[in-house]
């Protein structure tokens, strides 16, 4: 039962992160459209600089398939929200005096 709960908690954490990243991107787009446009332009520049290298056709097709401006910006928001949520959890646990359990006590 413990392993099943861990699996579903980690799966829920990933789903929550993807959802929270999408919500953060939506709010950022609504309140800061100019900055959002700059993020997309920067992601396009990053994509083009990555694809301008001399890749073989097999790798370039995969990169063109998986590297897109929308995906770069979205994953940036997902990572940023994961960092913020992690910091909030650490601060709350420190404030409440909680002590993190060791995964593998030695």
C-alpha atoms as a PDB file:
ATOM      1  CA  UNK A   1       0.000   0.000   0.000  1.00  0.00           C
ATOM      2  CA  UNK A   2       2.850   2.367   0.798  1.00  0.00           C
ATOM      3  CA  UNK A   3       4.356   1.993  -2.684  1.00  0.00           C
ATOM      4  CA  UNK A   4       0.984   2.596  -4.340  1.00  0.00           C
ATOM      5  CA  UNK A   5       0.439   5.770  -2.325  1.00  0.00           C
ATOM      6  CA  UNK A   6       3.907   7.031  -3.222  1.00  0.00           C
ATOM      7  CA  UNK A   7       3.271   6.323  -6.893  1.00  0.00           C
ATOM      8  CA  UNK A   8      -0.023   8.202  -6.954  1.00  0.00           C
ATOM      9  CA  UNK A   9       1.369  11.088  -4.892  1.00  0.00           C
ATOM     10  CA  UNK A  10       4.272  11.513  -7.304  1.00  0.00           C
ATOM     11  CA  UNK A  11       1.932  11.234 -10.285  1.00  0.00           C
ATOM     12  CA  UNK A  12      -0.335  13.829  -8.708  1.00  0.00           C
ATOM     13  CA  UNK A  13       2.655  16.063  -8.092  1.00  0.00           C
ATOM     14  CA  UNK A  14       3.619  15.939 -11.771  1.00  0.00           C
ATOM     15  CA  UNK A  15       0.026  16.583 -12.875  1.00  0.00           C
ATOM     16  CA  UNK A  16      -0.286  19.465 -10.388  1.00  0.00           C
ATOM     17  CA  UNK A  17       2.973  20.966 -11.657  1.00  0.00           C
ATOM     18  CA  UNK A  18       1.829  20.836 -15.283  1.00  0.00           C
ATOM     19  CA  UNK A  19      -1.521  22.360 -14.379  1.00  0.00           C
ATOM     20  CA  UNK A  20       0.015  25.064 -12.189  1.00  0.00           C
ATOM     21  CA  UNK A  21       2.535  25.903 -14.928  1.00  0.00           C
ATOM     22  CA  UNK A  22      -0.293  26.337 -17.440  1.00  0.00           C
ATOM     23  CA  UNK A  23      -2.220  28.565 -15.034  1.00  0.00           C
ATOM     24  CA  UNK A  24       0.899  30.639 -14.342  1.00  0.00           C
ATOM     25  CA  UNK A  25       1.535  31.029 -18.075  1.00  0.00           C
ATOM     26  CA  UNK A  26      -2.085  32.097 -18.575  1.00  0.00           C
ATOM     27  CA  UNK A  27      -1.912  34.702 -15.816  1.00  0.00           C
ATOM     28  CA  UNK A  28       1.439  35.953 -17.070  1.00  0.00           C
ATOM     29  CA  UNK A  29       0.000  36.238 -20.581  1.00  0.00           C
ATOM     30  CA  UNK A  30      -3.056  38.147 -19.346  1.00  0.00           C
ATOM     31  CA  UNK A  31      -1.202  40.608 -17.114  1.00  0.00           C
ATOM     32  CA  UNK A  32       2.158  40.918 -18.894  1.00  0.00           C
ATOM     33  CA  UNK A  33       1.555  40.409 -22.637  1.00  0.00           C
ATOM     34  CA  UNK A  34       4.686  42.325 -23.672  1.00  0.00           C
ATOM     35  CA  UNK A  35       6.938  40.203 -21.470  1.00  0.00           C
ATOM     36  CA  UNK A  36       5.193  37.056 -22.670  1.00  0.00           C
ATOM     37  CA  UNK A  37       5.900  38.046 -26.257  1.00  0.00           C
ATOM     38  CA  UNK A  38       9.544  38.614 -25.353  1.00  0.00           C
ATOM     39  CA  UNK A  39       9.691  35.143 -23.765  1.00  0.00           C
ATOM     40  CA  UNK A  40       8.329  33.573 -26.929  1.00  0.00           C
ATOM     41  CA  UNK A  41      10.796  35.519 -29.078  1.00  0.00           C
ATOM     42  CA  UNK A  42      13.657  34.430 -26.824  1.00  0.00           C
ATOM     43  CA  UNK A  43      12.455  30.818 -27.036  1.00  0.00           C
ATOM     44  CA  UNK A  44      12.383  31.109 -30.840  1.00  0.00           C
ATOM     45  CA  UNK A  45      15.940  32.399 -30.811  1.00  0.00           C
ATOM     46  CA  UNK A  46      16.963  29.526 -28.557  1.00  0.00           C
ATOM     47  CA  UNK A  47      15.237  27.041 -30.865  1.00  0.00           C
ATOM     48  CA  UNK A  48      16.921  28.408 -33.959  1.00  0.00           C
ATOM     49  CA  UNK A  49      20.352  28.484 -32.360  1.00  0.00           C
ATOM     50  CA  UNK A  50      19.887  24.894 -31.270  1.00  0.00           C
ATOM     51  CA  UNK A  51      18.727  23.784 -34.705  1.00  0.00           C
ATOM     52  CA  UNK A  52      21.382  25.729 -36.604  1.00  0.00           C
ATOM     53  CA  UNK A  53      24.075  23.279 -35.514  1.00  0.00           C
ATOM     54  CA  UNK A  54      25.185  20.580 -37.925  1.00  0.00           C
ATOM     55  CA  UNK A  55      22.898  17.743 -36.865  1.00  0.00           C
ATOM     56  CA  UNK A  56      22.300  14.613 -38.851  1.00  0.00           C
ATOM     57  CA  UNK A  57      18.856  14.402 -40.421  1.00  0.00           C
ATOM     58  CA  UNK A  58      17.687  11.839 -37.836  1.00  0.00           C
ATOM     59  CA  UNK A  59      18.472  14.116 -34.893  1.00  0.00           C
ATOM     60  CA  UNK A  60      17.299  17.316 -36.533  1.00  0.00           C
ATOM     61  CA  UNK A  61      13.869  15.839 -37.266  1.00  0.00           C
ATOM     62  CA  UNK A  62      13.531  14.787 -33.615  1.00  0.00           C
ATOM     63  CA  UNK A  63      14.666  18.213 -32.409  1.00  0.00           C
ATOM     64  CA  UNK A  64      12.237  19.996 -34.715  1.00  0.00           C
ATOM     65  CA  UNK A  65       9.475  17.730 -33.440  1.00  0.00           C
ATOM     66  CA  UNK A  66      10.164  18.231 -29.745  1.00  0.00           C
ATOM     67  CA  UNK A  67      11.675  21.716 -29.530  1.00  0.00           C
ATOM     68  CA  UNK A  68       9.047  24.376 -30.066  1.00  0.00           C
ATOM     69  CA  UNK A  69       8.708  27.901 -28.702  1.00  0.00           C
ATOM     70  CA  UNK A  70       5.495  27.061 -26.884  1.00  0.00           C
ATOM     71  CA  UNK A  71       7.032  24.026 -25.243  1.00  0.00           C
ATOM     72  CA  UNK A  72      10.141  25.910 -24.158  1.00  0.00           C
ATOM     73  CA  UNK A  73       8.133  28.713 -22.549  1.00  0.00           C
ATOM     74  CA  UNK A  74       5.635  26.294 -20.963  1.00  0.00           C
ATOM     75  CA  UNK A  75       8.355  24.098 -19.483  1.00  0.00           C
ATOM     76  CA  UNK A  76      10.038  27.222 -18.138  1.00  0.00           C
ATOM     77  CA  UNK A  77       6.833  28.122 -16.318  1.00  0.00           C
ATOM     78  CA  UNK A  78       6.434  24.550 -15.048  1.00  0.00           C
ATOM     79  CA  UNK A  79       9.976  24.589 -13.659  1.00  0.00           C
ATOM     80  CA  UNK A  80       9.499  28.031 -12.125  1.00  0.00           C
ATOM     81  CA  UNK A  81       6.255  27.018 -10.410  1.00  0.00           C
ATOM     82  CA  UNK A  82       7.874  23.800  -9.125  1.00  0.00           C
ATOM     83  CA  UNK A  83      10.690  25.858  -7.616  1.00  0.00           C
ATOM     84  CA  UNK A  84       8.260  28.325  -6.021  1.00  0.00           C
ATOM     85  CA  UNK A  85       6.050  25.551  -4.615  1.00  0.00           C
ATOM     86  CA  UNK A  86       9.128  23.735  -3.293  1.00  0.00           C
ATOM     87  CA  UNK A  87      10.357  26.889  -1.569  1.00  0.00           C
ATOM     88  CA  UNK A  88       6.929  27.481  -0.059  1.00  0.00           C
ATOM     89  CA  UNK A  89       6.837  23.917   1.260  1.00  0.00           C
ATOM     90  CA  UNK A  90      10.312  24.310   2.775  1.00  0.00           C
ATOM     91  CA  UNK A  91       9.396  27.636   4.402  1.00  0.00           C
ATOM     92  CA  UNK A  92       6.118  26.305   5.785  1.00  0.00           C
ATOM     93  CA  UNK A  93       7.775  23.190   7.164  1.00  0.00           C
ATOM     94  CA  UNK A  94      10.506  25.308   8.792  1.00  0.00           C
ATOM     95  CA  UNK A  95       7.887  27.678  10.203  1.00  0.00           C
ATOM     96  CA  UNK A  96       5.808  24.847  11.615  1.00  0.00           C
ATOM     97  CA  UNK A  97       8.897  23.204  13.034  1.00  0.00           C
ATOM     98  CA  UNK A  98       8.551  20.094  10.936  1.00  0.00           C
ATOM     99  CA  UNK A  99      11.565  17.940  10.392  1.00  0.00           C
ATOM    100  CA  UNK A 100      12.040  16.222   7.065  1.00  0.00           C
ATOM    101  CA  UNK A 101      12.215  12.450   7.264  1.00  0.00           C
ATOM    102  CA  UNK A 102      15.252  10.758   5.937  1.00  0.00           C
ATOM    103  CA  UNK A 103      14.493   8.478   3.032  1.00  0.00           C
ATOM    104  CA  UNK A 104      17.220   5.960   3.796  1.00  0.00           C
ATOM    105  CA  UNK A 105      18.505   6.335   7.350  1.00  0.00           C
ATOM    106  CA  UNK A 106      22.084   5.274   7.758  1.00  0.00           C
END
